Protein backbone atom coordinates (compact mmCIF):
# COMPACT_ATOMS: atom_id res chain seq x y z
CA MET A 1 0.00 0.00 0.00
CA ASN A 2 2.01 2.90 -1.30
CA HIS A 3 -0.76 5.13 -2.62
CA GLN A 4 -0.28 8.67 -1.38
CA ASN A 5 -3.25 10.99 -0.85
CA GLN A 6 -2.00 14.29 -2.31
CA SER A 7 -4.99 16.26 -1.04
CA LEU A 8 -3.69 15.90 2.53
CA ARG A 9 -0.45 17.74 3.23
CA ILE A 10 0.61 17.26 6.84
CA LEU A 11 3.21 19.27 8.72
CA SER A 12 4.28 17.71 12.01
CA ILE A 13 5.99 19.59 14.84
CA VAL A 14 8.29 17.48 17.05
CA PRO A 15 10.03 19.65 19.69
CA TYR A 16 12.54 17.07 20.93
CA LYS A 17 15.06 14.49 19.72
CA VAL A 18 13.54 11.43 18.03
CA PHE A 19 16.09 10.62 15.30
CA PRO A 20 17.76 8.24 15.43
CA ALA A 21 15.02 6.45 17.30
CA LEU A 22 16.51 4.62 20.27
CA MET A 23 13.78 4.40 22.93
CA GLY A 24 10.16 3.23 22.78
CA GLY A 25 8.49 6.62 22.36
CA GLN A 26 11.01 7.69 19.73
CA LYS A 27 10.54 4.43 17.85
CA GLY A 28 6.76 4.85 18.00
CA ILE A 29 6.93 8.31 16.45
CA ALA A 30 9.56 7.35 13.85
CA LEU A 31 7.68 4.25 12.70
CA PHE A 32 4.33 6.03 12.63
CA TYR A 33 5.81 8.80 10.48
CA LYS A 34 7.55 6.30 8.19
CA TYR A 35 4.27 4.60 7.28
CA PHE A 36 2.09 7.71 7.52
CA ALA A 37 4.32 9.47 4.96
CA GLN A 38 3.52 6.67 2.51
CA LEU A 39 -0.16 7.61 2.69
CA VAL A 40 -0.08 11.42 2.70
CA SER A 41 2.25 14.24 1.73
CA PHE A 42 4.25 14.70 4.93
CA ALA A 43 6.96 16.93 6.38
CA CYS A 44 8.32 17.27 9.90
CA ILE A 45 9.77 20.27 11.73
CA THR A 46 12.00 19.26 14.61
CA VAL A 47 14.96 20.26 16.77
CA GLN A 48 18.39 20.87 15.29
CA LYS A 49 20.05 17.95 17.08
CA ASN A 50 17.95 15.34 15.28
CA GLU A 51 19.87 13.23 12.80
CA ALA A 52 17.15 12.08 10.45
CA ASN A 53 17.60 9.89 7.42
CA GLU A 54 13.99 9.57 6.35
CA ALA A 55 12.13 9.29 3.04
CA TYR A 56 10.06 12.37 3.91
CA THR A 57 11.17 15.96 4.51
CA VAL A 58 12.66 16.65 7.96
CA LEU A 59 13.40 20.30 8.73
CA ASN A 60 15.71 20.90 11.69
CA GLN A 61 14.34 24.37 12.43
CA ILE A 62 13.67 24.32 16.18
CA SER A 63 16.38 25.33 18.62
CA ASN A 64 17.82 22.74 21.01
CA SER A 65 17.52 25.28 23.84
CA LYS A 66 15.35 24.45 26.86
CA THR A 67 13.55 27.75 26.26
CA ARG A 68 12.36 26.60 22.81
CA TYR A 69 8.84 26.12 24.17
CA LEU A 70 8.66 29.85 24.91
CA ASN A 71 9.98 31.03 21.57
CA PHE A 72 7.05 33.01 20.22
CA PHE A 73 8.94 33.77 16.99
CA LEU A 74 8.79 30.07 16.13
CA PHE A 75 5.10 30.60 15.34
CA PHE A 76 6.07 32.73 12.33
CA LYS A 77 8.68 30.22 11.14
CA ILE A 78 6.18 27.36 11.28
CA LYS A 79 3.51 29.47 9.60
CA LYS A 80 5.94 30.30 6.76
CA ILE A 81 6.96 26.66 6.28
CA ALA A 82 3.32 25.55 6.35
CA LYS A 83 2.45 28.07 3.64
CA GLU A 84 5.49 27.16 1.53
CA ASN A 85 4.47 23.49 1.66
CA ASP A 86 0.77 24.31 1.14
CA CYS A 87 -0.08 22.31 4.27
CA THR A 88 -3.67 21.39 5.00
CA HIS A 89 -3.11 20.07 8.55
CA LEU A 90 -0.71 20.46 11.46
CA LEU A 91 0.23 17.53 13.68
CA PHE A 92 1.55 18.42 17.14
CA GLU A 93 3.41 15.52 18.72
CA HIS A 94 3.11 17.00 22.21
CA PRO A 95 0.94 19.74 23.70
CA TYR A 96 3.89 22.03 24.48
CA TYR A 97 3.27 23.95 21.28
CA ALA A 98 -0.52 23.78 21.42
CA TRP A 99 -0.62 27.57 21.86
CA MET A 100 0.41 27.78 18.18
CA ILE A 101 -2.67 25.97 16.92
CA VAL A 102 -4.53 29.25 16.59
């Protein structure tokens, strides 16, 4: 099953290290994304320290700093990337960035 739905363009925000996936939660996210990206157009924004080697787009645009959850300028960066990729949906891996959903 490798049919990709082009009408759905998902942008995921992952604010912590998941690549390479070593622990259970990381593996869960990495495997979900691997198979999900085969079904829909998919890109992921994540922290700079991730070392991804994935078949989908991974953008290391989020700072590794502990204050990254309070970076209000990140909203504009994500908005720009979402528009550039013509995203239809956002996927937030954790609620830390839920304030950006608006």
